Amino acid sequence: MLLHVENLVKNFRSPEGGEHRVVDIESFQLAPEQQVALSGESGSGKTTFLHLIAGILKADSGTIRIHGTEMTRLSEADRDRLRATSLGYIFQTFNLLQGYTCLENVLLGMAFGVGTDQGFAEQLLKRVGLEQRINYYPRQLSVGQQQRVAVARALANRPKLVLADEPTGNLDNANARDSLRLIREACRENKAALLLVSHDAAVLDDFETRVDLRTLNRAALLEGGS
């Protein structure tokens, strides 16, 4: 398996001083090049789950193995290195650097990985339909075009796994369909697995493999009173 999660637990401290369990997942697996959609309503732990996989957050207990490497045993610096070389992340709000061009945003993503490759960065931007806007700044782009830059950046280091957190949440229906198709096609072309979180039924219906995060995450089930 490319991704193997076991007995993953993450708690946050509440304002009252107690611990609030947000993630409690017994088992989850993802094969190389597999594409899976996770349905997740607000409060189901979806963003926290993705952040744990990406090493942005550190788990309280459990294991996350990515291509055989145990993420939860790594130092923060080593988690950063693994994320830079093996993972791509598409955020709902894109997280583009506004003072840098499309090309520079992709190159900066590469700089944290194996090193910059301007030819490949330009190739990715052309692939996502931004050949004529490579030197534009994010503020000069539509929301849909900014999403395309985010897709190119996520693939910049040729990751084995791409995580996407509500990537169509800020797009209208037409742009959402186009963006979803682009994300899935680009991942296939680059032989990357895709784990995408959404609450949009139209997005979820596009996937052959879907998992309901509220049934996967025991913490969310307890929160819901089950």
C-alpha atoms as a PDB file:
ATOM      1  CA  MET A   1       0.000   0.000   0.000  1.00  0.00           C
ATOM      2  CA  LEU A   2       1.134   3.545  -0.705  1.00  0.00           C
ATOM      3  CA  LEU A   3      -0.665   4.887   2.375  1.00  0.00           C
ATOM      4  CA  HIS A   4      -1.442   2.811   5.453  1.00  0.00           C
ATOM      5  CA  VAL A   5      -3.072   4.370   8.526  1.00  0.00           C
ATOM      6  CA  GLU A   6      -3.651   2.423  11.745  1.00  0.00           C
ATOM      7  CA  ASN A   7      -5.186   3.452  15.087  1.00  0.00           C
ATOM      8  CA  LEU A   8      -4.690   7.131  14.348  1.00  0.00           C
ATOM      9  CA  VAL A   9      -5.694   9.494  17.164  1.00  0.00           C
ATOM     10  CA  LYS A  10      -5.536  13.272  17.425  1.00  0.00           C
ATOM     11  CA  ASN A  11      -6.859  15.332  20.336  1.00  0.00           C
ATOM     12  CA  PHE A  12      -7.097  19.090  20.750  1.00  0.00           C
ATOM     13  CA  ARG A  13      -7.366  20.936  24.039  1.00  0.00           C
ATOM     14  CA  SER A  14     -10.720  22.645  24.564  1.00  0.00           C
ATOM     15  CA  PRO A  15     -11.068  26.192  25.963  1.00  0.00           C
ATOM     16  CA  GLU A  16     -12.204  24.604  29.238  1.00  0.00           C
ATOM     17  CA  GLY A  17      -8.911  22.714  29.499  1.00  0.00           C
ATOM     18  CA  GLY A  18     -10.176  19.262  28.597  1.00  0.00           C
ATOM     19  CA  GLU A  19      -9.173  17.177  25.583  1.00  0.00           C
ATOM     20  CA  HIS A  20     -11.441  16.961  22.551  1.00  0.00           C
ATOM     21  CA  ARG A  21     -10.871  13.981  20.262  1.00  0.00           C
ATOM     22  CA  VAL A  22     -11.083  15.022  16.618  1.00  0.00           C
ATOM     23  CA  VAL A  23      -9.641  11.992  14.830  1.00  0.00           C
ATOM     24  CA  ASP A  24      -9.895   8.327  15.847  1.00  0.00           C
ATOM     25  CA  ILE A  25      -9.415   6.124  12.793  1.00  0.00           C
ATOM     26  CA  GLU A  26      -8.760   2.415  13.169  1.00  0.00           C
ATOM     27  CA  SER A  27      -7.606   1.683   9.627  1.00  0.00           C
ATOM     28  CA  PHE A  28      -7.336   3.320   6.206  1.00  0.00           C
ATOM     29  CA  GLN A  29      -5.374   2.301   3.122  1.00  0.00           C
ATOM     30  CA  LEU A  30      -4.671   3.744  -0.306  1.00  0.00           C
ATOM     31  CA  ALA A  31      -2.933   1.904  -3.136  1.00  0.00           C
ATOM     32  CA  PRO A  32      -0.483   3.473  -5.603  1.00  0.00           C
ATOM     33  CA  GLU A  33      -2.297   5.555  -8.249  1.00  0.00           C
ATOM     34  CA  GLN A  34      -5.678   4.869  -6.590  1.00  0.00           C
ATOM     35  CA  GLN A  35      -8.173   7.734  -6.468  1.00  0.00           C
ATOM     36  CA  VAL A  36     -10.502   7.914  -3.467  1.00  0.00           C
ATOM     37  CA  ALA A  37     -13.062  10.500  -2.393  1.00  0.00           C
ATOM     38  CA  LEU A  38     -13.803  11.069   1.294  1.00  0.00           C
ATOM     39  CA  SER A  39     -17.167  12.565   2.109  1.00  0.00           C
ATOM     40  CA  GLY A  40     -16.983  14.746   5.170  1.00  0.00           C
ATOM     41  CA  GLU A  41     -19.326  17.250   6.716  1.00  0.00           C
ATOM     42  CA  SER A  42     -18.161  20.091   8.920  1.00  0.00           C
ATOM     43  CA  GLY A  43     -16.697  18.741  12.147  1.00  0.00           C
ATOM     44  CA  SER A  44     -16.047  15.227  10.852  1.00  0.00           C
ATOM     45  CA  GLY A  45     -12.262  15.695  11.118  1.00  0.00           C
ATOM     46  CA  LYS A  46     -11.525  15.744   7.386  1.00  0.00           C
ATOM     47  CA  THR A  47      -8.991  18.594   7.331  1.00  0.00           C
ATOM     48  CA  THR A  48      -7.289  17.322  10.487  1.00  0.00           C
ATOM     49  CA  PHE A  49      -7.039  13.858   8.912  1.00  0.00           C
ATOM     50  CA  LEU A  50      -5.374  15.260   5.779  1.00  0.00           C
ATOM     51  CA  HIS A  51      -3.035  17.413   7.866  1.00  0.00           C
ATOM     52  CA  LEU A  52      -1.981  14.353   9.862  1.00  0.00           C
ATOM     53  CA  ILE A  53      -1.252  12.397   6.671  1.00  0.00           C
ATOM     54  CA  ALA A  54       0.730  15.345   5.315  1.00  0.00           C
ATOM     55  CA  GLY A  55       2.703  15.729   8.529  1.00  0.00           C
ATOM     56  CA  ILE A  56       1.427  19.265   9.084  1.00  0.00           C
ATOM     57  CA  LEU A  57       0.050  18.017  12.405  1.00  0.00           C
ATOM     58  CA  LYS A  58       1.619  15.362  14.610  1.00  0.00           C
ATOM     59  CA  ALA A  59      -0.583  12.486  15.736  1.00  0.00           C
ATOM     60  CA  ASP A  60      -1.032  11.711  19.432  1.00  0.00           C
ATOM     61  CA  SER A  61      -0.870   7.992  18.675  1.00  0.00           C
ATOM     62  CA  GLY A  62      -1.146   5.532  15.809  1.00  0.00           C
ATOM     63  CA  THR A  63       0.837   5.068  12.618  1.00  0.00           C
ATOM     64  CA  ILE A  64       0.896   6.683   9.179  1.00  0.00           C
ATOM     65  CA  ARG A  65       3.094   4.876   6.672  1.00  0.00           C
ATOM     66  CA  ILE A  66       3.712   6.522   3.306  1.00  0.00           C
ATOM     67  CA  HIS A  67       5.546   4.327   0.836  1.00  0.00           C
ATOM     68  CA  GLY A  68       6.950   2.391   3.776  1.00  0.00           C
ATOM     69  CA  THR A  69       8.128   5.429   5.760  1.00  0.00           C
ATOM     70  CA  GLU A  70       6.574   5.889   9.197  1.00  0.00           C
ATOM     71  CA  MET A  71       5.494   9.547   9.249  1.00  0.00           C
ATOM     72  CA  THR A  72       4.628   9.650  12.947  1.00  0.00           C
ATOM     73  CA  ARG A  73       8.164   8.698  14.025  1.00  0.00           C
ATOM     74  CA  LEU A  74       9.882  11.447  12.063  1.00  0.00           C
ATOM     75  CA  SER A  75      11.141  14.738  13.445  1.00  0.00           C
ATOM     76  CA  GLU A  76       9.398  17.897  12.272  1.00  0.00           C
ATOM     77  CA  ALA A  77      12.231  18.611   9.835  1.00  0.00           C
ATOM     78  CA  ASP A  78      12.066  15.082   8.409  1.00  0.00           C
ATOM     79  CA  ARG A  79       8.275  15.318   8.083  1.00  0.00           C
ATOM     80  CA  ASP A  80       8.775  18.540   6.127  1.00  0.00           C
ATOM     81  CA  ARG A  81      11.238  16.799   3.818  1.00  0.00           C
ATOM     82  CA  LEU A  82       8.949  13.823   3.269  1.00  0.00           C
ATOM     83  CA  ARG A  83       6.020  16.136   2.539  1.00  0.00           C
ATOM     84  CA  ALA A  84       8.110  18.137   0.068  1.00  0.00           C
ATOM     85  CA  THR A  85       9.276  15.096  -1.867  1.00  0.00           C
ATOM     86  CA  SER A  86       6.374  12.637  -1.663  1.00  0.00           C
ATOM     87  CA  LEU A  87       3.164  14.633  -1.181  1.00  0.00           C
ATOM     88  CA  GLY A  88       1.228  17.276  -3.045  1.00  0.00           C
ATOM     89  CA  TYR A  89      -1.494  19.293  -1.306  1.00  0.00           C
ATOM     90  CA  ILE A  90      -4.339  21.226  -2.951  1.00  0.00           C
ATOM     91  CA  PHE A  91      -5.931  23.586  -0.441  1.00  0.00           C
ATOM     92  CA  GLN A  92      -9.479  24.914  -0.678  1.00  0.00           C
ATOM     93  CA  THR A  93      -8.170  28.484  -0.456  1.00  0.00           C
ATOM     94  CA  PHE A  94      -5.257  27.679  -2.834  1.00  0.00           C
ATOM     95  CA  ASN A  95      -2.623  29.342  -0.545  1.00  0.00           C
ATOM     96  CA  LEU A  96      -0.837  30.976  -3.469  1.00  0.00           C
ATOM     97  CA  LEU A  97       1.798  33.613  -2.704  1.00  0.00           C
ATOM     98  CA  GLN A  98       0.297  36.832  -4.025  1.00  0.00           C
ATOM     99  CA  GLY A  99       3.617  38.592  -4.617  1.00  0.00           C
ATOM    100  CA  TYR A 100       4.866  35.883  -6.972  1.00  0.00           C
ATOM    101  CA  THR A 101       3.862  34.909 -10.507  1.00  0.00           C
ATOM    102  CA  CYS A 102       2.260  31.590 -11.437  1.00  0.00           C
ATOM    103  CA  LEU A 103       5.631  30.239 -12.513  1.00  0.00           C
ATOM    104  CA  GLU A 104       7.331  31.481  -9.358  1.00  0.00           C
ATOM    105  CA  ASN A 105       4.650  29.861  -7.161  1.00  0.00           C
ATOM    106  CA  VAL A 106       5.342  26.493  -8.799  1.00  0.00           C
ATOM    107  CA  LEU A 107       9.126  26.955  -8.649  1.00  0.00           C
ATOM    108  CA  LEU A 108       8.939  27.854  -4.951  1.00  0.00           C
ATOM    109  CA  GLY A 109       7.043  24.615  -4.355  1.00  0.00           C
ATOM    110  CA  MET A 110       9.881  22.783  -6.104  1.00  0.00           C
ATOM    111  CA  ALA A 111      12.516  24.578  -4.035  1.00  0.00           C
ATOM    112  CA  PHE A 112      11.366  22.727  -0.915  1.00  0.00           C
ATOM    113  CA  GLY A 113      11.673  19.381  -2.693  1.00  0.00           C
ATOM    114  CA  VAL A 114      14.312  17.952  -5.003  1.00  0.00           C
ATOM    115  CA  GLY A 115      15.125  21.315  -6.598  1.00  0.00           C
ATOM    116  CA  THR A 116      13.730  23.696  -9.176  1.00  0.00           C
ATOM    117  CA  ASP A 117      13.118  22.644 -12.766  1.00  0.00           C
ATOM    118  CA  GLN A 118      11.780  25.563 -14.779  1.00  0.00           C
ATOM    119  CA  GLY A 119      11.085  23.441 -17.829  1.00  0.00           C
ATOM    120  CA  PHE A 120       8.869  21.049 -15.879  1.00  0.00           C
ATOM    121  CA  ALA A 121       7.179  23.937 -14.047  1.00  0.00           C
ATOM    122  CA  GLU A 122       6.296  25.557 -17.380  1.00  0.00           C
ATOM    123  CA  GLN A 123       5.134  22.180 -18.697  1.00  0.00           C
ATOM    124  CA  LEU A 124       2.774  21.768 -15.743  1.00  0.00           C
ATOM    125  CA  LEU A 125       1.316  25.270 -16.174  1.00  0.00           C
ATOM    126  CA  LYS A 126       0.770  24.584 -19.860  1.00  0.00           C
ATOM    127  CA  ARG A 127      -0.885  21.271 -18.960  1.00  0.00           C
ATOM    128  CA  VAL A 128      -3.391  23.053 -16.720  1.00  0.00           C
ATOM    129  CA  GLY A 129      -4.207  25.573 -19.455  1.00  0.00           C
ATOM    130  CA  LEU A 130      -2.170  28.557 -18.274  1.00  0.00           C
ATOM    131  CA  GLU A 131       0.365  28.728 -21.092  1.00  0.00           C
ATOM    132  CA  GLN A 132      -0.549  32.373 -21.772  1.00  0.00           C
ATOM    133  CA  ARG A 133      -0.566  33.342 -18.078  1.00  0.00           C
ATOM    134  CA  ILE A 134       2.677  31.872 -16.770  1.00  0.00           C
ATOM    135  CA  ASN A 135       3.948  35.293 -15.692  1.00  0.00           C
ATOM    136  CA  TYR A 136       0.632  36.556 -14.293  1.00  0.00           C
ATOM    137  CA  TYR A 137       0.180  37.182 -10.578  1.00  0.00           C
ATOM    138  CA  PRO A 138      -2.644  35.409  -8.695  1.00  0.00           C
ATOM    139  CA  ARG A 139      -4.592  38.667  -8.391  1.00  0.00           C
ATOM    140  CA  GLN A 140      -4.688  38.837 -12.203  1.00  0.00           C
ATOM    141  CA  LEU A 141      -6.344  35.427 -12.462  1.00  0.00           C
ATOM    142  CA  SER A 142      -9.883  34.199 -12.030  1.00  0.00           C
ATOM    143  CA  VAL A 143     -10.662  31.892  -9.100  1.00  0.00           C
ATOM    144  CA  GLY A 144     -10.715  28.913 -11.455  1.00  0.00           C
ATOM    145  CA  GLN A 145      -7.314  29.863 -12.885  1.00  0.00           C
ATOM    146  CA  GLN A 146      -5.844  30.215  -9.402  1.00  0.00           C
ATOM    147  CA  GLN A 147      -7.035  26.691  -8.688  1.00  0.00           C
ATOM    148  CA  ARG A 148      -5.125  25.516 -11.771  1.00  0.00           C
ATOM    149  CA  VAL A 149      -1.925  27.073 -10.442  1.00  0.00           C
ATOM    150  CA  ALA A 150      -2.531  25.222  -7.159  1.00  0.00           C
ATOM    151  CA  VAL A 151      -2.888  21.937  -9.078  1.00  0.00           C
ATOM    152  CA  ALA A 152       0.371  22.559 -10.963  1.00  0.00           C
ATOM    153  CA  ARG A 153       2.160  23.396  -7.712  1.00  0.00           C
ATOM    154  CA  ALA A 154       0.841  20.233  -6.027  1.00  0.00           C
ATOM    155  CA  LEU A 155       2.369  18.126  -8.809  1.00  0.00           C
ATOM    156  CA  ALA A 156       5.626  20.095  -8.997  1.00  0.00           C
ATOM    157  CA  ASN A 157       7.747  17.562  -7.095  1.00  0.00           C
ATOM    158  CA  ARG A 158       6.231  14.533  -8.844  1.00  0.00           C
ATOM    159  CA  PRO A 159       4.549  13.321  -5.624  1.00  0.00           C
ATOM    160  CA  LYS A 160       3.374   9.777  -5.058  1.00  0.00           C
ATOM    161  CA  LEU A 161       0.250  11.067  -3.288  1.00  0.00           C
ATOM    162  CA  VAL A 162      -1.877  14.187  -3.803  1.00  0.00           C
ATOM    163  CA  LEU A 163      -4.187  15.342  -1.004  1.00  0.00           C
ATOM    164  CA  ALA A 164      -7.046  17.675  -1.934  1.00  0.00           C
ATOM    165  CA  ASP A 165      -9.142  19.409   0.745  1.00  0.00           C
ATOM    166  CA  GLU A 166     -12.463  20.617  -0.723  1.00  0.00           C
ATOM    167  CA  PRO A 167     -10.622  21.745  -3.884  1.00  0.00           C
ATOM    168  CA  THR A 168     -13.836  22.792  -5.660  1.00  0.00           C
ATOM    169  CA  GLY A 169     -15.423  24.495  -2.652  1.00  0.00           C
ATOM    170  CA  ASN A 170     -14.774  28.034  -3.910  1.00  0.00           C
ATOM    171  CA  LEU A 171     -15.738  27.376  -7.529  1.00  0.00           C
ATOM    172  CA  ASP A 172     -19.028  27.630  -9.398  1.00  0.00           C
ATOM    173  CA  ASN A 173     -20.531  24.448 -10.828  1.00  0.00           C
ATOM    174  CA  ALA A 174     -18.941  24.726 -14.274  1.00  0.00           C
ATOM    175  CA  ASN A 175     -15.471  25.510 -12.909  1.00  0.00           C
ATOM    176  CA  ALA A 176     -15.844  22.812 -10.258  1.00  0.00           C
ATOM    177  CA  ARG A 177     -16.476  20.158 -12.934  1.00  0.00           C
ATOM    178  CA  ASP A 178     -13.537  21.373 -15.026  1.00  0.00           C
ATOM    179  CA  SER A 179     -11.232  21.547 -11.998  1.00  0.00           C
ATOM    180  CA  LEU A 180     -12.165  18.066 -10.795  1.00  0.00           C
ATOM    181  CA  ARG A 181     -11.551  16.587 -14.238  1.00  0.00           C
ATOM    182  CA  LEU A 182      -8.201  18.369 -14.422  1.00  0.00           C
ATOM    183  CA  ILE A 183      -7.096  17.189 -10.968  1.00  0.00           C
ATOM    184  CA  ARG A 184      -7.981  13.577 -11.707  1.00  0.00           C
ATOM    185  CA  GLU A 185      -6.414  13.564 -15.172  1.00  0.00           C
ATOM    186  CA  ALA A 186      -3.228  15.297 -13.995  1.00  0.00           C
ATOM    187  CA  CYS A 187      -2.816  12.790 -11.171  1.00  0.00           C
ATOM    188  CA  ARG A 188      -3.246   9.869 -13.580  1.00  0.00           C
ATOM    189  CA  GLU A 189      -0.744  11.346 -16.028  1.00  0.00           C
ATOM    190  CA  ASN A 190       1.795  11.829 -13.243  1.00  0.00           C
ATOM    191  CA  LYS A 191       1.063   8.401 -11.682  1.00  0.00           C
ATOM    192  CA  ALA A 192       0.070   9.972  -8.375  1.00  0.00           C
ATOM    193  CA  ALA A 193      -2.593   8.610  -6.061  1.00  0.00           C
ATOM    194  CA  LEU A 194      -5.355  11.050  -5.082  1.00  0.00           C
ATOM    195  CA  LEU A 195      -7.190  11.402  -1.770  1.00  0.00           C
ATOM    196  CA  LEU A 196      -9.850  14.083  -2.128  1.00  0.00           C
ATOM    197  CA  VAL A 197     -12.218  15.365   0.550  1.00  0.00           C
ATOM    198  CA  SER A 198     -15.540  16.940  -0.398  1.00  0.00           C
ATOM    199  CA  HIS A 199     -19.116  17.295   0.800  1.00  0.00           C
ATOM    200  CA  ASP A 200     -20.367  18.017  -2.749  1.00  0.00           C
ATOM    201  CA  ALA A 201     -22.499  15.101  -3.986  1.00  0.00           C
ATOM    202  CA  ALA A 202     -21.650  15.850  -7.640  1.00  0.00           C
ATOM    203  CA  VAL A 203     -17.924  15.631  -6.871  1.00  0.00           C
ATOM    204  CA  LEU A 204     -18.309  12.446  -4.836  1.00  0.00           C
ATOM    205  CA  ASP A 205     -20.402  10.781  -7.536  1.00  0.00           C
ATOM    206  CA  ASP A 206     -17.518  11.178  -9.986  1.00  0.00           C
ATOM    207  CA  PHE A 207     -15.400   8.692  -8.005  1.00  0.00           C
ATOM    208  CA  GLU A 208     -15.629   4.932  -8.241  1.00  0.00           C
ATOM    209  CA  THR A 209     -14.266   4.595  -4.692  1.00  0.00           C
ATOM    210  CA  ARG A 210     -15.871   6.685  -1.954  1.00  0.00           C
ATOM    211  CA  VAL A 211     -15.525   6.540   1.828  1.00  0.00           C
ATOM    212  CA  ASP A 212     -17.759   8.275   4.357  1.00  0.00           C
ATOM    213  CA  LEU A 213     -15.382   9.866   6.852  1.00  0.00           C
ATOM    214  CA  ARG A 214     -18.073   9.957   9.533  1.00  0.00           C
ATOM    215  CA  THR A 215     -18.197   6.157   9.517  1.00  0.00           C
ATOM    216  CA  LEU A 216     -14.415   5.877   9.295  1.00  0.00           C
ATOM    217  CA  ASN A 217     -13.706   8.346  12.094  1.00  0.00           C
ATOM    218  CA  ARG A 218     -14.921   7.047  15.461  1.00  0.00           C
ATOM    219  CA  ALA A 219     -14.450  10.494  17.003  1.00  0.00           C
ATOM    220  CA  ALA A 220     -16.969  11.957  14.556  1.00  0.00           C
ATOM    221  CA  LEU A 221     -19.422   9.169  15.335  1.00  0.00           C
ATOM    222  CA  LEU A 222     -19.188   9.926  19.062  1.00  0.00           C
ATOM    223  CA  GLU A 223     -19.646  13.629  18.369  1.00  0.00           C
ATOM    224  CA  GLY A 224     -22.807  12.795  16.439  1.00  0.00           C
ATOM    225  CA  GLY A 225     -24.214  10.842  19.342  1.00  0.00           C
ATOM    226  CA  SER A 226     -23.944   7.370  17.847  1.00  0.00           C
END
